[in-house]
Amino acid sequence: MKRHGAFSLTELLVLVPILALSGGLVLATLNGAQQTFQGAACLSNLREWGQAFAFYANDYQDYVPHEGGGVQPIDTDYNINAWFNVLPSYIGNPPLTNLYNAGKIPVPGVKSVFMCPALVSSNLTYTPSMANPFFAYQMNRVMTGELAPCPHNLYKRSIAVLPNKTVLMCDGDGSSDPPYPFTDGGFLARGVPRHNGGDNFVFVDGHADWVAYAAYFNPTIPPGSDTMAGTEWARPRQIYWFPCRTCNKVCSTH
């Protein structure tokens, strides 16, 4: 019998699952490509922040800037001199305070060096303001000796014994709402890894890289620990948060 181009029922029963499977594979490939692009763009942002830290340190006798405070508005106290306000000009961007004043707030979905492209609007559960800002990236809080009694106890980059392994800045931990401008290994490990089972980092030497969750999670050091540098340095690790074995976050000079 001569056919007229139509599929038989049997052929359709075979063909439909194949098409569905192919469509699923295509979508998975596209999703994977999108995640790869977002991860690469995020790393690019962190490289820029690493350059900004280096330029700043070159201008200020090798010191790193303030980590920032989580309870003060970003335009008050020592937040005025925190990383998110003093570093952007080194990479052609306005201070975060200026962006908020101008109504150009970097939030998920907005292209900005302040924002990781992997974040979406559902990651934002409040309205950001000068008093409650949003941070997609966070500075390593134990890369300074800042504490309430000594808010100006800053460290130099050279304090890092292994600058290629010491965290300077990374993806935000998502452990607080609104997020703080700083984090550590314990806080970061509380959150869900942002990029394929890991997060993006920039290190004291300026290079940026993706690191798996297992490498930055250290169960022996709880979130907010200030005096466990020796514990972290007790054995070799892929990355370090404390810049040296004796560099506890305390009111002393190094």
Protein backbone atom coordinates (compact mmCIF):
# COMPACT_ATOMS: atom_id res chain seq x y z
CA MET A 1 0.00 0.00 0.00
CA LYS A 2 1.30 3.45 -0.85
CA ARG A 3 2.01 5.66 2.14
CA HIS A 4 1.14 9.33 2.28
CA GLY A 5 3.76 10.53 4.81
CA ALA A 6 1.79 9.89 7.99
CA PHE A 7 3.20 7.92 10.91
CA SER A 8 1.50 4.77 12.06
CA LEU A 9 0.37 4.43 15.69
CA THR A 10 3.22 2.03 16.37
CA GLU A 11 5.76 4.45 14.95
CA LEU A 12 4.35 7.29 17.02
CA LEU A 13 4.54 5.18 20.18
CA VAL A 14 8.22 4.64 19.46
CA LEU A 15 8.97 8.17 18.28
CA VAL A 16 7.33 10.23 21.03
CA PRO A 17 9.50 8.92 23.90
CA ILE A 18 12.60 9.42 21.75
CA LEU A 19 11.65 13.03 21.06
CA ALA A 20 10.89 13.62 24.73
CA LEU A 21 14.25 12.17 25.73
CA SER A 22 16.04 14.26 23.12
CA GLY A 23 14.27 17.39 24.32
CA GLY A 24 15.28 16.64 27.88
CA LEU A 25 18.89 16.16 26.84
CA VAL A 26 18.85 19.45 24.94
CA LEU A 27 17.41 21.29 27.95
CA ALA A 28 19.95 19.69 30.26
CA THR A 29 22.73 20.74 27.91
CA LEU A 30 21.42 24.29 27.77
CA ASN A 31 21.06 24.45 31.54
CA GLY A 32 24.58 23.12 31.94
CA ALA A 33 25.91 25.69 29.50
CA GLN A 34 24.09 28.47 31.35
CA GLN A 35 25.55 27.38 34.69
CA THR A 36 29.01 27.23 33.15
CA PHE A 37 28.61 30.75 31.76
CA GLN A 38 27.32 32.08 35.08
CA GLY A 39 30.20 30.49 36.96
CA ALA A 40 32.73 31.98 34.54
CA ALA A 41 31.15 35.44 34.81
CA CYS A 42 31.18 35.17 38.61
CA LEU A 43 34.87 34.26 38.58
CA SER A 44 35.52 37.26 36.35
CA ASN A 45 33.85 39.51 38.93
CA LEU A 46 35.99 38.07 41.71
CA ARG A 47 39.16 38.56 39.66
CA GLU A 48 38.22 42.22 39.36
CA TRP A 49 37.76 42.45 43.11
CA GLY A 50 41.15 40.79 43.55
CA GLN A 51 42.70 43.45 41.32
CA ALA A 52 40.97 46.16 43.33
CA PHE A 53 42.36 44.73 46.59
CA ALA A 54 45.84 44.71 45.06
CA PHE A 55 45.60 48.32 43.84
CA TYR A 56 44.30 49.44 47.23
CA ALA A 57 47.06 47.61 49.10
CA ASN A 58 49.67 49.18 46.85
CA ASP A 59 48.33 52.60 47.82
CA TYR A 60 48.05 51.86 51.55
CA GLN A 61 51.31 50.21 52.61
CA ASP A 62 50.00 46.72 51.80
CA TYR A 63 47.00 46.91 54.18
CA VAL A 64 43.64 45.41 53.25
CA PRO A 65 40.50 47.52 53.79
CA HIS A 66 37.86 47.11 56.47
CA GLU A 67 35.65 44.04 56.18
CA GLY A 68 32.56 46.15 56.94
CA GLY A 69 29.96 45.94 59.66
CA GLY A 70 26.77 43.95 59.51
CA VAL A 71 24.63 46.11 61.78
CA GLN A 72 25.44 49.65 60.62
CA PRO A 73 24.18 51.38 57.46
CA ILE A 74 26.77 51.26 54.70
CA ASP A 75 27.21 55.04 54.75
CA THR A 76 28.13 55.33 58.46
CA ASP A 77 30.98 54.54 60.85
CA TYR A 78 33.84 52.53 59.41
CA ASN A 79 31.60 51.13 56.67
CA ILE A 80 32.51 54.30 54.81
CA ASN A 81 36.00 52.82 54.50
CA ALA A 82 34.91 49.20 54.04
CA TRP A 83 35.85 47.21 50.96
CA PHE A 84 32.52 47.78 49.19
CA ASN A 85 33.01 51.56 49.32
CA VAL A 86 36.77 52.02 48.86
CA LEU A 87 37.59 49.32 46.29
CA PRO A 88 35.10 49.93 43.43
CA SER A 89 36.83 53.07 42.13
CA TYR A 90 39.95 50.99 41.41
CA ILE A 91 37.98 48.96 38.86
CA GLY A 92 35.89 51.76 37.37
CA ASN A 93 32.80 51.47 39.55
CA PRO A 94 31.16 53.82 42.06
CA PRO A 95 31.13 53.02 45.79
CA LEU A 96 28.20 50.91 46.94
CA THR A 97 26.87 53.86 48.95
CA ASN A 98 26.66 55.94 45.75
CA LEU A 99 24.74 53.20 43.95
CA TYR A 100 22.18 53.03 46.75
CA ASN A 101 21.84 56.81 46.82
CA ALA A 102 21.26 56.83 43.06
CA GLY A 103 18.66 54.06 43.22
CA LYS A 104 20.91 51.74 41.19
CA ILE A 105 21.04 49.01 43.79
CA PRO A 106 22.85 45.84 42.67
CA VAL A 107 20.42 42.98 43.28
CA PRO A 108 20.01 39.51 41.74
CA GLY A 109 19.30 39.84 38.04
CA VAL A 110 21.22 43.13 37.69
CA LYS A 111 24.53 42.99 35.82
CA SER A 112 27.13 44.36 38.22
CA VAL A 113 30.56 43.53 39.60
CA PHE A 114 28.77 43.39 42.97
CA MET A 115 26.43 40.63 41.78
CA CYS A 116 26.95 36.95 40.99
CA PRO A 117 25.05 36.05 37.78
CA ALA A 118 23.94 32.74 39.31
CA LEU A 119 21.66 34.54 41.77
CA VAL A 120 18.02 35.05 40.83
CA SER A 121 15.29 37.29 42.20
CA SER A 122 13.99 34.53 44.47
CA ASN A 123 17.30 34.79 46.39
CA LEU A 124 16.16 38.22 47.56
CA THR A 125 13.57 38.05 50.35
CA TYR A 126 13.56 41.70 51.46
CA THR A 127 13.93 45.19 50.02
CA PRO A 128 17.58 46.27 50.15
CA SER A 129 18.31 49.67 51.66
CA MET A 130 21.26 51.63 52.98
CA ALA A 131 20.58 50.12 56.40
CA ASN A 132 19.93 46.61 55.05
CA PRO A 133 22.07 46.15 51.96
CA PHE A 134 22.45 43.02 49.86
CA PHE A 135 25.85 41.38 49.35
CA ALA A 136 26.44 38.67 46.76
CA TYR A 137 30.14 38.53 47.63
CA GLN A 138 31.79 38.63 51.03
CA MET A 139 35.26 39.36 52.35
CA ASN A 140 37.11 36.82 54.48
CA ARG A 141 36.47 38.13 58.00
CA VAL A 142 39.60 36.57 59.51
CA MET A 143 41.85 38.29 56.96
CA THR A 144 41.70 41.25 59.36
CA GLY A 145 42.06 41.56 63.13
CA GLU A 146 39.06 43.83 63.41
CA LEU A 147 36.90 43.43 66.50
CA ALA A 148 34.59 45.80 68.36
CA PRO A 149 37.35 46.90 70.80
CA CYS A 150 39.83 47.37 67.92
CA PRO A 151 37.90 48.29 64.74
CA HIS A 152 41.04 49.54 62.99
CA ASN A 153 43.20 46.47 63.57
CA LEU A 154 43.81 45.76 59.90
CA TYR A 155 46.28 43.24 58.45
CA LYS A 156 48.71 43.56 55.56
CA ARG A 157 48.50 41.18 52.61
CA SER A 158 52.00 40.00 53.46
CA ILE A 159 50.67 38.40 56.65
CA ALA A 160 49.41 35.52 54.50
CA VAL A 161 51.99 32.73 54.61
CA LEU A 162 50.38 31.03 51.60
CA PRO A 163 48.80 33.87 49.59
CA ASN A 164 47.82 31.49 46.78
CA LYS A 165 45.72 29.46 49.24
CA THR A 166 44.43 32.15 51.61
CA VAL A 167 40.89 33.37 50.92
CA LEU A 168 40.42 37.07 50.32
CA MET A 169 36.82 37.12 49.09
CA CYS A 170 34.22 34.63 47.89
CA ASP A 171 30.61 33.90 47.02
CA GLY A 172 28.20 34.94 49.76
CA ASP A 173 27.20 32.37 52.35
CA GLY A 174 23.46 33.11 52.47
CA SER A 175 23.46 32.40 56.22
CA SER A 176 21.81 35.67 57.25
CA ASP A 177 19.09 37.90 55.88
CA PRO A 178 20.21 40.53 55.07
CA PRO A 179 23.67 39.11 54.39
CA TYR A 180 26.79 40.51 56.01
CA PRO A 181 29.67 41.90 53.92
CA PHE A 182 32.00 39.27 55.41
CA THR A 183 32.11 35.53 56.00
CA ASP A 184 34.37 32.66 57.06
CA GLY A 185 34.62 28.95 56.33
CA GLY A 186 32.05 28.00 58.95
CA PHE A 187 29.43 30.45 57.76
CA LEU A 188 30.03 29.64 54.09
CA ALA A 189 29.66 25.92 54.76
CA ARG A 190 26.15 26.57 56.15
CA GLY A 191 24.90 27.71 52.76
CA VAL A 192 24.10 25.82 49.59
CA PRO A 193 27.06 25.82 47.17
CA ARG A 194 26.30 28.24 44.35
CA HIS A 195 28.21 26.62 41.49
CA ASN A 196 28.01 22.87 40.84
CA GLY A 197 28.80 21.72 44.34
CA GLY A 198 31.25 24.47 45.19
CA ASP A 199 31.82 28.23 45.33
CA ASN A 200 34.06 30.79 43.67
CA PHE A 201 36.94 32.44 45.49
CA VAL A 202 39.63 35.04 44.96
CA PHE A 203 42.80 34.57 46.94
CA VAL A 204 45.34 36.96 48.44
CA ASP A 205 47.69 36.49 45.48
CA GLY A 206 44.89 37.70 43.17
CA HIS A 207 43.96 34.52 41.34
CA ALA A 208 40.34 33.34 41.30
CA ASP A 209 39.16 29.75 41.25
CA TRP A 210 36.24 27.42 41.95
CA VAL A 211 36.60 25.31 45.09
CA ALA A 212 34.52 22.26 46.00
CA TYR A 213 32.45 22.35 49.17
CA ALA A 214 34.50 19.56 50.77
CA ALA A 215 37.66 21.67 50.46
CA TYR A 216 36.37 24.75 52.24
CA PHE A 217 34.20 23.01 54.85
CA ASN A 218 36.18 22.34 58.02
CA PRO A 219 33.96 20.70 60.69
CA THR A 220 36.51 21.41 63.42
CA ILE A 221 36.04 25.20 63.11
CA PRO A 222 32.52 26.49 63.80
CA PRO A 223 31.15 29.71 62.26
CA GLY A 224 32.41 32.92 63.83
CA SER A 225 35.54 31.38 65.34
CA ASP A 226 38.20 34.02 66.03
CA THR A 227 40.96 32.07 67.77
CA MET A 228 41.33 28.80 65.88
CA ALA A 229 44.11 29.65 63.45
CA GLY A 230 46.30 26.95 64.97
CA THR A 231 43.54 24.38 64.53
CA GLU A 232 43.11 25.21 60.86
CA TRP A 233 46.85 25.12 60.23
CA ALA A 234 47.35 21.85 62.11
CA ARG A 235 47.39 19.97 58.82
CA PRO A 236 47.83 20.93 55.16
CA ARG A 237 44.66 22.14 53.47
CA GLN A 238 43.63 23.14 49.96
CA ILE A 239 42.57 26.58 51.18
CA TYR A 240 42.99 28.58 54.39
CA TRP A 241 40.87 31.27 56.01
CA PHE A 242 43.28 32.34 58.77
CA PRO A 243 46.31 33.87 57.02
CA CYS A 244 48.88 32.21 59.28
CA ARG A 245 49.18 29.71 62.13
CA THR A 246 49.25 32.45 64.80
CA CYS A 247 46.92 34.91 63.04
CA ASN A 248 43.92 34.72 65.33
CA LYS A 249 41.37 37.49 64.98
CA VAL A 250 42.37 39.35 68.13
CA CYS A 251 43.28 42.88 69.14
CA SER A 252 47.01 42.67 68.51
CA THR A 253 49.41 43.61 65.76
CA HIS A 254 51.14 41.20 63.41
